């Protein structure tokens, strides 16, 4: 059973500061930029979400849905902000939080305008550190398209282990695509975190 202390740990995710990035709770002011990011074909090319022209209302509903899920301790979503410019880089978080088995699934979306700067590595490091060391998770998984080689290489660099390929597991823009799964366990994180932090 979740306790008040556990809830405070989850709330501490509302502000996670890294070297170049800040992860914070999404706000209404983020909706416009998230609309643009989610509507960009280049940004969304490798992601499982269906590509469409997002409206401001769509972005608002997405933020409100994540806030509801967060209030139920099922997931949390954070806006990624570049500290030097205060610009929205994308979003990240942990979903499918299972407090019985202490597991969750990491996800990340980074605008095409900020790709190639190492922000995917920094964001994942912050989320993994928070998940394992603050929330006390035992296992964090990740799922991506088999065609998304850059993200697969990123997970391997961070110490994830490749687990499986799920054939035609996701229907994206009218076409079934294969997904591959990865996982990282807390003991592996502890053993290697000095190398990747």
Protein backbone atom coordinates (compact mmCIF):
# COMPACT_ATOMS: atom_id res chain seq x y z
CA UNK A 1 0.00 0.00 0.00
CA UNK A 2 1.28 3.48 -0.91
CA UNK A 3 2.08 5.81 1.98
CA UNK A 4 2.20 9.60 2.33
CA UNK A 5 6.00 9.36 2.26
CA UNK A 6 5.80 7.47 -1.04
CA UNK A 7 3.56 10.18 -2.48
CA UNK A 8 6.07 12.85 -1.45
CA UNK A 9 8.78 10.91 -3.27
CA UNK A 10 6.68 11.00 -6.43
CA UNK A 11 6.06 14.71 -5.98
CA UNK A 12 9.81 15.31 -5.75
CA UNK A 13 9.95 14.45 -9.48
CA UNK A 14 8.37 17.83 -10.18
CA UNK A 15 11.85 19.39 -10.20
CA UNK A 16 14.92 17.40 -11.26
CA UNK A 17 17.95 19.43 -12.26
CA UNK A 18 20.81 18.19 -14.44
CA UNK A 19 23.87 19.81 -16.02
CA UNK A 20 22.10 21.35 -19.00
CA UNK A 21 18.48 20.34 -18.47
CA UNK A 22 15.67 20.79 -16.00
CA UNK A 23 12.81 18.29 -15.68
CA UNK A 24 9.70 19.89 -14.22
CA UNK A 25 5.97 19.45 -13.96
CA UNK A 26 4.13 20.33 -17.20
CA UNK A 27 2.23 23.62 -17.24
CA UNK A 28 -0.39 25.20 -19.47
CA UNK A 29 2.36 27.40 -20.94
CA UNK A 30 4.01 24.25 -22.38
CA UNK A 31 0.97 23.26 -24.46
CA UNK A 32 1.82 25.35 -27.51
CA UNK A 33 5.36 24.00 -27.83
CA UNK A 34 4.27 20.40 -27.10
CA UNK A 35 1.64 20.78 -29.85
CA UNK A 36 4.41 21.70 -32.28
CA UNK A 37 6.71 18.89 -31.12
CA UNK A 38 4.01 16.22 -31.33
CA UNK A 39 2.93 17.40 -34.79
CA UNK A 40 6.46 17.21 -36.24
CA UNK A 41 6.97 14.19 -38.53
CA UNK A 42 10.75 14.22 -38.01
CA UNK A 43 10.44 14.27 -34.21
CA UNK A 44 7.77 11.55 -34.14
CA UNK A 45 9.27 9.31 -36.86
CA UNK A 46 10.49 6.61 -34.48
CA UNK A 47 7.81 6.91 -31.83
CA UNK A 48 4.77 4.74 -31.32
CA UNK A 49 2.28 7.60 -31.11
CA UNK A 50 0.19 8.17 -34.21
CA UNK A 51 1.35 11.12 -36.27
CA UNK A 52 -1.30 13.80 -36.64
CA UNK A 53 -1.72 17.54 -36.63
CA UNK A 54 -2.09 18.24 -32.93
CA UNK A 55 -4.21 21.16 -31.80
CA UNK A 56 -3.71 23.23 -28.68
CA UNK A 57 -6.72 21.45 -27.20
CA UNK A 58 -5.15 18.05 -27.97
CA UNK A 59 -1.99 19.07 -26.13
CA UNK A 60 -4.04 20.31 -23.18
CA UNK A 61 -6.02 17.05 -22.98
CA UNK A 62 -2.78 15.03 -23.16
CA UNK A 63 -1.32 17.05 -20.27
CA UNK A 64 -4.51 16.69 -18.23
CA UNK A 65 -4.64 12.92 -18.88
CA UNK A 66 -1.08 12.50 -17.63
CA UNK A 67 -1.91 14.63 -14.57
CA UNK A 68 -4.87 12.35 -13.79
CA UNK A 69 -2.71 9.23 -14.16
CA UNK A 70 -0.11 10.87 -11.94
CA UNK A 71 -2.72 11.54 -9.26
CA UNK A 72 -3.51 7.82 -9.32
CA UNK A 73 0.21 6.91 -8.95
CA UNK A 74 0.21 5.15 -12.35
CA UNK A 75 2.69 7.37 -14.17
CA UNK A 76 4.24 10.80 -14.22
CA UNK A 77 5.27 13.08 -17.06
CA UNK A 78 7.81 15.90 -16.95
CA UNK A 79 8.62 18.72 -19.34
CA UNK A 80 12.28 18.83 -20.42
CA UNK A 81 13.63 22.39 -20.40
CA UNK A 82 17.02 23.68 -21.60
CA UNK A 83 18.40 25.60 -18.63
CA UNK A 84 20.37 28.22 -20.56
CA UNK A 85 17.47 29.28 -22.78
CA UNK A 86 14.43 28.10 -20.77
CA UNK A 87 13.13 26.54 -24.00
CA UNK A 88 10.97 23.39 -23.99
CA UNK A 89 13.01 20.49 -25.36
CA UNK A 90 10.37 17.75 -25.05
CA UNK A 91 8.89 15.48 -22.41
CA UNK A 92 9.81 12.39 -20.45
CA UNK A 93 8.54 10.30 -17.55
CA UNK A 94 7.84 6.89 -16.11
CA UNK A 95 4.65 5.01 -17.04
CA UNK A 96 3.02 1.72 -15.99
CA UNK A 97 4.24 2.21 -12.42
CA UNK A 98 3.75 -1.06 -10.56
CA UNK A 99 4.19 -0.52 -6.83
CA UNK A 100 3.86 -4.23 -6.04
CA UNK A 101 6.70 -5.32 -8.30
CA UNK A 102 8.49 -1.94 -8.15
CA UNK A 103 8.73 -1.44 -11.89
CA UNK A 104 8.04 1.20 -14.51
CA UNK A 105 8.65 2.08 -18.15
CA UNK A 106 10.69 5.09 -19.24
CA UNK A 107 9.65 7.21 -22.21
CA UNK A 108 11.07 10.30 -23.90
CA UNK A 109 10.25 12.68 -26.75
CA UNK A 110 12.82 15.28 -27.82
CA UNK A 111 12.13 17.98 -30.41
CA UNK A 112 14.09 17.67 -33.65
CA UNK A 113 15.51 21.12 -32.87
CA UNK A 114 17.34 19.74 -29.85
CA UNK A 115 18.41 16.32 -31.10
CA UNK A 116 22.11 15.52 -31.40
CA UNK A 117 23.05 17.51 -28.27
CA UNK A 118 23.24 14.60 -25.83
CA UNK A 119 19.94 15.58 -24.23
CA UNK A 120 18.52 12.06 -24.60
CA UNK A 121 21.39 10.66 -22.55
CA UNK A 122 21.15 13.35 -19.87
CA UNK A 123 17.36 13.05 -19.57
CA UNK A 124 17.46 9.26 -19.25
CA UNK A 125 20.24 9.43 -16.66
CA UNK A 126 18.13 11.78 -14.52
CA UNK A 127 14.99 9.65 -14.85
CA UNK A 128 16.86 6.41 -14.10
CA UNK A 129 18.56 7.93 -11.06
CA UNK A 130 15.23 9.21 -9.77
CA UNK A 131 13.43 5.92 -10.48
CA UNK A 132 15.98 3.68 -8.81
CA UNK A 133 17.30 5.89 -6.02
CA UNK A 134 14.28 7.96 -5.01
CA UNK A 135 11.30 5.78 -5.91
CA UNK A 136 13.18 2.57 -5.10
CA UNK A 137 12.17 0.79 -8.29
CA UNK A 138 13.66 -2.64 -8.99
CA UNK A 139 13.18 -2.68 -12.77
CA UNK A 140 12.81 -0.01 -15.44
CA UNK A 141 11.89 -1.06 -18.96
CA UNK A 142 11.89 0.70 -22.32
CA UNK A 143 10.12 -0.03 -25.60
CA UNK A 144 10.93 1.32 -29.05
CA UNK A 145 10.39 0.51 -32.71
CA UNK A 146 12.87 -1.97 -34.18
CA UNK A 147 13.64 0.70 -36.78
CA UNK A 148 14.75 3.15 -34.08
CA UNK A 149 18.43 2.22 -33.98
CA UNK A 150 19.64 5.46 -32.30
CA UNK A 151 17.39 4.93 -29.28
CA UNK A 152 18.30 1.24 -29.06
CA UNK A 153 21.98 2.20 -28.98
CA UNK A 154 21.21 4.79 -26.30
CA UNK A 155 19.55 2.21 -24.05
CA UNK A 156 22.45 -0.19 -24.49
CA UNK A 157 24.89 2.60 -23.64
CA UNK A 158 22.95 3.22 -20.44
CA UNK A 159 23.25 -0.44 -19.44
CA UNK A 160 19.85 -1.74 -20.51
CA UNK A 161 19.65 -5.34 -21.67
CA UNK A 162 17.81 -6.21 -24.87
CA UNK A 163 14.96 -8.61 -24.07
CA UNK A 164 12.70 -9.34 -27.00
CA UNK A 165 11.09 -8.32 -30.27
CA UNK A 166 7.31 -8.08 -30.29
CA UNK A 167 6.15 -8.65 -33.85
CA UNK A 168 3.55 -6.23 -35.25
CA UNK A 169 2.74 -5.13 -31.72
CA UNK A 170 1.74 -1.54 -32.43
CA UNK A 171 -0.55 -0.03 -35.05
CA UNK A 172 0.98 3.27 -36.15
CA UNK A 173 -0.57 5.33 -38.94
CA UNK A 174 -2.42 2.31 -40.35
CA UNK A 175 0.58 -0.02 -40.34
CA UNK A 176 1.65 -2.63 -37.78
CA UNK A 177 5.23 -2.20 -36.58
CA UNK A 178 7.59 -4.40 -34.58
CA UNK A 179 8.73 -3.25 -31.16
CA UNK A 180 11.79 -4.23 -29.15
CA UNK A 181 11.98 -4.23 -25.38
CA UNK A 182 14.82 -3.42 -23.00
CA UNK A 183 15.20 -3.47 -19.23
CA UNK A 184 17.57 -2.27 -16.56
CA UNK A 185 17.62 -3.70 -13.02
CA UNK A 186 18.48 -1.77 -9.87
CA UNK A 187 21.56 -3.87 -9.09
CA UNK A 188 22.99 -3.21 -12.55
CA UNK A 189 22.29 0.50 -12.10
CA UNK A 190 24.15 0.50 -8.77
CA UNK A 191 27.12 -1.32 -10.28
CA UNK A 192 27.52 0.96 -13.27
CA UNK A 193 26.05 4.35 -12.37
CA UNK A 194 29.45 5.97 -11.82
CA UNK A 195 30.28 5.25 -15.45
CA UNK A 196 27.16 6.86 -16.89
CA UNK A 197 26.40 9.74 -14.50
